[in-house]
C-alpha atoms as a PDB file:
ATOM      1  CA  MET A   1      91.125 127.489  71.546  1.00  0.00           C
ATOM      2  CA  ASN A   2      92.452 127.280  67.981  1.00  0.00           C
ATOM      3  CA  TRP A   3      95.508 125.213  68.884  1.00  0.00           C
ATOM      4  CA  THR A   4      93.459 122.757  70.968  1.00  0.00           C
ATOM      5  CA  ILE A   5      90.943 122.223  68.168  1.00  0.00           C
ATOM      6  CA  GLU A   6      93.561 121.878  65.448  1.00  0.00           C
ATOM      7  CA  ASN A   7      95.847 119.630  67.519  1.00  0.00           C
ATOM      8  CA  TRP A   8      93.315 117.502  69.393  1.00  0.00           C
ATOM      9  CA  ASP A   9      95.047 114.372  68.064  1.00  0.00           C
ATOM     10  CA  ARG A  10      98.354 115.422  69.676  1.00  0.00           C
ATOM     11  CA  LEU A  11      96.535 116.162  72.916  1.00  0.00           C
ATOM     12  CA  ALA A  12      94.805 112.769  72.778  1.00  0.00           C
ATOM     13  CA  GLU A  13      98.148 111.066  72.114  1.00  0.00           C
ATOM     14  CA  ALA A  14      99.694 112.822  75.125  1.00  0.00           C
ATOM     15  CA  LEU A  15      96.704 111.801  77.242  1.00  0.00           C
ATOM     16  CA  GLY A  16      97.159 108.188  76.146  1.00  0.00           C
ATOM     17  CA  GLU A  17     100.864 108.302  77.038  1.00  0.00           C
ATOM     18  CA  HIS A  18      99.961 109.728  80.444  1.00  0.00           C
ATOM     19  CA  VAL A  19      97.365 107.031  81.118  1.00  0.00           C
ATOM     20  CA  VAL A  20      99.730 104.224  80.082  1.00  0.00           C
ATOM     21  CA  MET A  21     102.560 105.607  82.228  1.00  0.00           C
ATOM     22  CA  VAL A  22     100.375 106.024  85.321  1.00  0.00           C
ATOM     23  CA  GLY A  23      98.526 102.741  84.773  1.00  0.00           C
ATOM     24  CA  THR A  24     101.777 100.795  84.438  1.00  0.00           C
ATOM     25  CA  ALA A  25     103.240 102.426  87.546  1.00  0.00           C
ATOM     26  CA  LEU A  26     100.054 101.742  89.517  1.00  0.00           C
ATOM     27  CA  LEU A  27     100.008  98.048  88.591  1.00  0.00           C
ATOM     28  CA  ILE A  28     103.676  97.616  89.519  1.00  0.00           C
ATOM     29  CA  SER A  29     103.091  99.503  92.767  1.00  0.00           C
ATOM     30  CA  LEU A  30     100.214  97.195  93.702  1.00  0.00           C
ATOM     31  CA  ALA A  31     102.226  94.092  92.815  1.00  0.00           C
ATOM     32  CA  ILE A  32     104.935  95.218  95.259  1.00  0.00           C
ATOM     33  CA  SER A  33     102.721  96.762  97.949  1.00  0.00           C
ATOM     34  CA  LEU A  34     100.140  94.004  98.336  1.00  0.00           C
ATOM     35  CA  PRO A  35     102.460  91.236  99.619  1.00  0.00           C
ATOM     36  CA  LEU A  36     104.567  93.773 101.516  1.00  0.00           C
ATOM     37  CA  GLY A  37     101.487  95.311 103.153  1.00  0.00           C
ATOM     38  CA  ILE A  38     100.105  91.904 104.145  1.00  0.00           C
ATOM     39  CA  TRP A  39     103.447  90.911 105.610  1.00  0.00           C
ATOM     40  CA  ALA A  40     103.841  94.227 107.432  1.00  0.00           C
ATOM     41  CA  ALA A  41     100.327  93.937 108.881  1.00  0.00           C
ATOM     42  CA  ARG A  42     101.381  90.813 110.782  1.00  0.00           C
ATOM     43  CA  ARG A  43     104.797  92.091 111.916  1.00  0.00           C
ATOM     44  CA  PRO A  44     104.859  95.441 113.770  1.00  0.00           C
ATOM     45  CA  GLY A  45     108.633  95.732 113.463  1.00  0.00           C
ATOM     46  CA  LEU A  46     108.511  95.301 109.696  1.00  0.00           C
ATOM     47  CA  TYR A  47     105.656  97.807 109.478  1.00  0.00           C
ATOM     48  CA  VAL A  48     107.691 100.489 111.263  1.00  0.00           C
ATOM     49  CA  ALA A  49     110.765  99.797 109.114  1.00  0.00           C
ATOM     50  CA  THR A  50     108.744  99.840 105.889  1.00  0.00           C
ATOM     51  CA  MET A  51     107.008 103.091 106.799  1.00  0.00           C
ATOM     52  CA  SER A  52     110.358 104.675 107.628  1.00  0.00           C
ATOM     53  CA  VAL A  53     111.993 103.702 104.326  1.00  0.00           C
ATOM     54  CA  THR A  54     108.999 104.520 102.120  1.00  0.00           C
ATOM     55  CA  GLY A  55     108.454 107.744 104.071  1.00  0.00           C
ATOM     56  CA  VAL A  56     111.977 108.889 103.190  1.00  0.00           C
ATOM     57  CA  LEU A  57     111.370 108.061  99.516  1.00  0.00           C
ATOM     58  CA  TYR A  58     108.098 109.995  99.593  1.00  0.00           C
ATOM     59  CA  THR A  59     109.823 113.166 100.806  1.00  0.00           C
ATOM     60  CA  ILE A  60     112.377 113.287  97.973  1.00  0.00           C
ATOM     61  CA  PRO A  61     111.423 116.012  95.439  1.00  0.00           C
ATOM     62  CA  ALA A  62     110.308 114.566  92.113  1.00  0.00           C
ATOM     63  CA  LEU A  63     112.975 116.295  90.044  1.00  0.00           C
ATOM     64  CA  ALA A  64     115.703 115.161  92.439  1.00  0.00           C
ATOM     65  CA  LEU A  65     114.524 111.552  92.196  1.00  0.00           C
ATOM     66  CA  PHE A  66     114.349 111.729  88.397  1.00  0.00           C
ATOM     67  CA  ALA A  67     117.873 113.170  88.316  1.00  0.00           C
ATOM     68  CA  PHE A  68     119.126 110.384  90.599  1.00  0.00           C
ATOM     69  CA  LEU A  69     117.650 107.683  88.344  1.00  0.00           C
ATOM     70  CA  ILE A  70     118.918 109.084  85.019  1.00  0.00           C
ATOM     71  CA  PRO A  71     122.535 107.787  85.357  1.00  0.00           C
ATOM     72  CA  PHE A  72     121.186 104.262  85.968  1.00  0.00           C
ATOM     73  CA  MET A  73     118.165 104.182  83.642  1.00  0.00           C
ATOM     74  CA  GLY A  74     118.672 107.009  81.165  1.00  0.00           C
ATOM     75  CA  LEU A  75     115.867 109.221  79.920  1.00  0.00           C
ATOM     76  CA  GLY A  76     112.338 108.183  79.020  1.00  0.00           C
ATOM     77  CA  THR A  77     109.483 106.325  80.635  1.00  0.00           C
ATOM     78  CA  ALA A  78     111.567 103.771  82.585  1.00  0.00           C
ATOM     79  CA  PRO A  79     112.902 106.209  85.226  1.00  0.00           C
ATOM     80  CA  ALA A  80     109.542 108.003  85.278  1.00  0.00           C
ATOM     81  CA  ILE A  81     107.639 104.802  86.067  1.00  0.00           C
ATOM     82  CA  THR A  82     110.263 103.784  88.622  1.00  0.00           C
ATOM     83  CA  ALA A  83     109.922 107.129  90.408  1.00  0.00           C
ATOM     84  CA  LEU A  84     106.120 106.885  90.391  1.00  0.00           C
ATOM     85  CA  VAL A  85     106.329 103.406  91.914  1.00  0.00           C
ATOM     86  CA  LEU A  86     108.695 104.566  94.664  1.00  0.00           C
ATOM     87  CA  TYR A  87     106.396 107.469  95.525  1.00  0.00           C
ATOM     88  CA  SER A  88     103.395 105.131  95.738  1.00  0.00           C
ATOM     89  CA  LEU A  89     104.749 102.588  98.217  1.00  0.00           C
ATOM     90  CA  LEU A  90     104.137 104.631 101.369  1.00  0.00           C
ATOM     91  CA  ILE A  91     100.419 105.161 100.759  1.00  0.00           C
ATOM     92  CA  LEU A  92      99.647 101.709  99.387  1.00  0.00           C
ATOM     93  CA  VAL A  93     101.595  99.657 101.937  1.00  0.00           C
ATOM     94  CA  ARG A  94     100.176 101.740 104.791  1.00  0.00           C
ATOM     95  CA  ASN A  95      96.563 101.368 103.639  1.00  0.00           C
ATOM     96  CA  ILE A  96      96.885  97.645 102.974  1.00  0.00           C
ATOM     97  CA  ALA A  97      98.470  97.021 106.371  1.00  0.00           C
ATOM     98  CA  ILE A  98      96.023  99.262 108.255  1.00  0.00           C
ATOM     99  CA  GLY A  99      93.039  97.761 106.431  1.00  0.00           C
ATOM    100  CA  ILE A 100      94.041  94.292 107.641  1.00  0.00           C
ATOM    101  CA  ARG A 101      95.221  95.298 111.122  1.00  0.00           C
ATOM    102  CA  GLU A 102      92.049  97.216 111.986  1.00  0.00           C
ATOM    103  CA  LEU A 103      89.661  94.344 111.320  1.00  0.00           C
ATOM    104  CA  PRO A 104      87.704  93.438 114.472  1.00  0.00           C
ATOM    105  CA  ALA A 105      89.425  90.722 116.476  1.00  0.00           C
ATOM    106  CA  GLU A 106      86.136  88.854 116.898  1.00  0.00           C
ATOM    107  CA  LEU A 107      85.902  88.387 113.122  1.00  0.00           C
ATOM    108  CA  ILE A 108      89.342  86.813 113.012  1.00  0.00           C
ATOM    109  CA  GLU A 109      88.490  84.595 115.980  1.00  0.00           C
ATOM    110  CA  ALA A 110      85.205  83.574 114.332  1.00  0.00           C
ATOM    111  CA  ALA A 111      87.023  82.662 111.119  1.00  0.00           C
ATOM    112  CA  ASP A 112      89.573  80.613 113.064  1.00  0.00           C
ATOM    113  CA  GLY A 113      86.737  78.909 114.924  1.00  0.00           C
ATOM    114  CA  MET A 114      85.134  77.970 111.608  1.00  0.00           C
ATOM    115  CA  GLY A 115      88.340  76.220 110.569  1.00  0.00           C
ATOM    116  CA  TYR A 116      89.747  78.814 108.195  1.00  0.00           C
ATOM    117  CA  GLY A 117      93.477  78.466 107.616  1.00  0.00           C
ATOM    118  CA  ARG A 118      95.628  81.588 107.387  1.00  0.00           C
ATOM    119  CA  ALA A 119      95.614  81.651 103.585  1.00  0.00           C
ATOM    120  CA  ARG A 120      91.881  81.019 103.306  1.00  0.00           C
ATOM    121  CA  ARG A 121      91.146  83.572 106.030  1.00  0.00           C
ATOM    122  CA  LEU A 122      93.236  86.157 104.196  1.00  0.00           C
ATOM    123  CA  LEU A 123      91.537  85.580 100.846  1.00  0.00           C
ATOM    124  CA  ARG A 124      87.973  85.082 102.092  1.00  0.00           C
ATOM    125  CA  ILE A 125      87.787  87.401 105.110  1.00  0.00           C
ATOM    126  CA  GLU A 126      90.662  89.837 105.594  1.00  0.00           C
ATOM    127  CA  LEU A 127      91.297  91.158 102.089  1.00  0.00           C
ATOM    128  CA  PRO A 128      87.603  91.533 101.127  1.00  0.00           C
ATOM    129  CA  LEU A 129      86.842  93.445 104.335  1.00  0.00           C
ATOM    130  CA  ALA A 130      89.992  95.552 103.999  1.00  0.00           C
ATOM    131  CA  LEU A 131      89.265  96.320 100.348  1.00  0.00           C
ATOM    132  CA  PRO A 132      87.541  99.704 100.943  1.00  0.00           C
ATOM    133  CA  VAL A 133      90.632 100.992 102.776  1.00  0.00           C
ATOM    134  CA  ILE A 134      92.898  99.548 100.079  1.00  0.00           C
ATOM    135  CA  VAL A 135      90.857 101.213  97.312  1.00  0.00           C
ATOM    136  CA  ALA A 136      91.068 104.509  99.218  1.00  0.00           C
ATOM    137  CA  GLY A 137      94.852 104.169  99.073  1.00  0.00           C
ATOM    138  CA  ILE A 138      94.716 103.342  95.367  1.00  0.00           C
ATOM    139  CA  ARG A 139      92.583 106.448  94.768  1.00  0.00           C
ATOM    140  CA  ILE A 140      95.059 108.741  96.535  1.00  0.00           C
ATOM    141  CA  THR A 141      97.966 107.054  94.771  1.00  0.00           C
ATOM    142  CA  ALA A 142      96.444 107.292  91.297  1.00  0.00           C
ATOM    143  CA  VAL A 143      95.661 111.001  91.636  1.00  0.00           C
ATOM    144  CA  SER A 144      99.162 111.678  93.006  1.00  0.00           C
ATOM    145  CA  GLN A 145     100.760 109.739  90.157  1.00  0.00           C
ATOM    146  CA  ILE A 146      98.792 111.689  87.556  1.00  0.00           C
ATOM    147  CA  ALA A 147     100.150 114.920  89.040  1.00  0.00           C
ATOM    148  CA  VAL A 148     103.769 113.764  89.402  1.00  0.00           C
ATOM    149  CA  ALA A 149     103.761 112.222  85.912  1.00  0.00           C
ATOM    150  CA  THR A 150     103.397 115.690  84.378  1.00  0.00           C
ATOM    151  CA  ILE A 151     106.863 116.567  85.724  1.00  0.00           C
ATOM    152  CA  ALA A 152     108.282 113.471  84.008  1.00  0.00           C
ATOM    153  CA  ALA A 153     108.270 115.418  80.740  1.00  0.00           C
ATOM    154  CA  TYR A 154     111.542 116.924  81.969  1.00  0.00           C
ATOM    155  CA  ILE A 155     113.171 113.526  81.377  1.00  0.00           C
ATOM    156  CA  SER A 156     111.491 112.892  78.009  1.00  0.00           C
ATOM    157  CA  ALA A 157     108.812 110.568  79.390  1.00  0.00           C
ATOM    158  CA  GLY A 158     106.056 112.170  77.314  1.00  0.00           C
ATOM    159  CA  GLY A 159     102.507 112.529  78.548  1.00  0.00           C
ATOM    160  CA  LEU A 160     100.549 115.694  79.206  1.00  0.00           C
ATOM    161  CA  GLY A 161     103.543 117.300  80.887  1.00  0.00           C
ATOM    162  CA  ASP A 162     105.177 117.445  77.471  1.00  0.00           C
ATOM    163  CA  ILE A 163     102.374 119.725  76.226  1.00  0.00           C
ATOM    164  CA  ILE A 164     102.619 121.901  79.334  1.00  0.00           C
ATOM    165  CA  PHE A 165     106.392 122.331  79.153  1.00  0.00           C
ATOM    166  CA  GLN A 166     106.260 123.034  75.416  1.00  0.00           C
ATOM    167  CA  GLY A 167     103.819 125.811  76.206  1.00  0.00           C
ATOM    168  CA  ILE A 168     106.127 127.206  78.890  1.00  0.00           C
ATOM    169  CA  THR A 169     109.172 127.077  76.597  1.00  0.00           C
ATOM    170  CA  GLN A 170     107.299 128.662  73.688  1.00  0.00           C
ATOM    171  CA  ASP A 171     105.444 131.152  75.898  1.00  0.00           C
ATOM    172  CA  PHE A 172     102.253 129.696  74.444  1.00  0.00           C
ATOM    173  CA  GLY A 173      99.514 129.994  77.063  1.00  0.00           C
ATOM    174  CA  GLU A 174      96.943 127.853  75.280  1.00  0.00           C
ATOM    175  CA  LYS A 175      99.252 124.829  75.273  1.00  0.00           C
ATOM    176  CA  ILE A 176      99.843 125.237  79.005  1.00  0.00           C
ATOM    177  CA  VAL A 177      96.120 125.512  79.694  1.00  0.00           C
ATOM    178  CA  ALA A 178      95.219 122.600  77.392  1.00  0.00           C
ATOM    179  CA  GLY A 179      97.729 120.256  79.021  1.00  0.00           C
ATOM    180  CA  ALA A 180      96.937 121.353  82.566  1.00  0.00           C
ATOM    181  CA  VAL A 181      93.158 121.181  82.130  1.00  0.00           C
ATOM    182  CA  THR A 182      93.355 117.736  80.523  1.00  0.00           C
ATOM    183  CA  ALA A 183      95.550 116.445  83.363  1.00  0.00           C
ATOM    184  CA  SER A 184      93.158 117.927  85.927  1.00  0.00           C
ATOM    185  CA  LEU A 185      90.135 116.358  84.229  1.00  0.00           C
ATOM    186  CA  LEU A 186      91.909 112.990  84.146  1.00  0.00           C
ATOM    187  CA  ALA A 187      92.638 113.242  87.875  1.00  0.00           C
ATOM    188  CA  ILE A 188      89.021 114.220  88.640  1.00  0.00           C
ATOM    189  CA  VAL A 189      87.575 111.356  86.576  1.00  0.00           C
ATOM    190  CA  VAL A 190      89.886 108.782  88.181  1.00  0.00           C
ATOM    191  CA  ASP A 191      89.225 110.167  91.665  1.00  0.00           C
ATOM    192  CA  GLU A 192      85.439 110.127  91.268  1.00  0.00           C
ATOM    193  CA  ALA A 193      85.414 106.647  89.704  1.00  0.00           C
ATOM    194  CA  LEU A 194      87.496 105.126  92.493  1.00  0.00           C
ATOM    195  CA  LYS A 195      85.521 107.051  95.115  1.00  0.00           C
ATOM    196  CA  LEU A 196      82.348 105.410  93.784  1.00  0.00           C
ATOM    197  CA  VAL A 197      84.002 101.979  93.935  1.00  0.00           C
ATOM    198  CA  GLU A 198      85.127 102.671  97.498  1.00  0.00           C
ATOM    199  CA  ARG A 199      81.615 103.670  98.607  1.00  0.00           C
ATOM    200  CA  ARG A 200      80.070 100.567  97.096  1.00  0.00           C
ATOM    201  CA  LEU A 201      82.665  98.340  98.726  1.00  0.00           C
ATOM    202  CA  ARG A 202      82.039  99.950 102.115  1.00  0.00           C
ATOM    203  CA  ALA A 203      78.301  99.435 101.703  1.00  0.00           C
ATOM    204  CA  ALA A 204      78.823  95.808 100.676  1.00  0.00           C
ATOM    205  CA  SER A 205      81.193  95.162 103.599  1.00  0.00           C
ATOM    206  CA  ALA A 206      78.697  96.618 106.076  1.00  0.00           C
ATOM    207  CA  ALA A 207      75.836  94.537 104.689  1.00  0.00           C
ATOM    208  CA  GLU A 208      77.635  91.212 104.245  1.00  0.00           C
ATOM    209  CA  PRO A 209      77.971  89.001 107.342  1.00  0.00           C
ATOM    210  CA  LEU A 210      80.843  86.636 107.973  1.00  0.00           C
END
């Protein structure tokens, strides 16, 4: 553990780069997926088309997608974040749309009967009740992005993948272990934190009447 102890600052810097990269990609993904998911929830044809397109993007290997983006965006964090966003759309749009579509019809009818307009119903009824499903999608997305972001070191995006690939190139096992363990711990912490949020939201949704 000598390298880890002596270079904890470099490991912390790589962790910070990883968190910033994933956090930025997650925010952009949500900004795109939320309106698209809401729209798709109300239009079955759009939902099918969106799932088809995002499903194709999701199946592209990470390295192939990075390689495709390099001629347009160069090396660095920009193509890495773009790839992470593209990978996230399938899960986020699907969970947002399903969370809204699976709300009981009687709740929607009750809201309409109480004089809620579509915008007010969405903000006061549909999104709050769909939030546990949406957070579940965010949890899966965040953990997936943490994993895929390690590969982004191949295109000079930094992060914990940089430590791992340096260890592979230098045949230095401790670097590989330090980077991999830190990335795994980050994924576990994020997963458990969002899982707790999801449970509390589900409990609140079950207890709160219309």
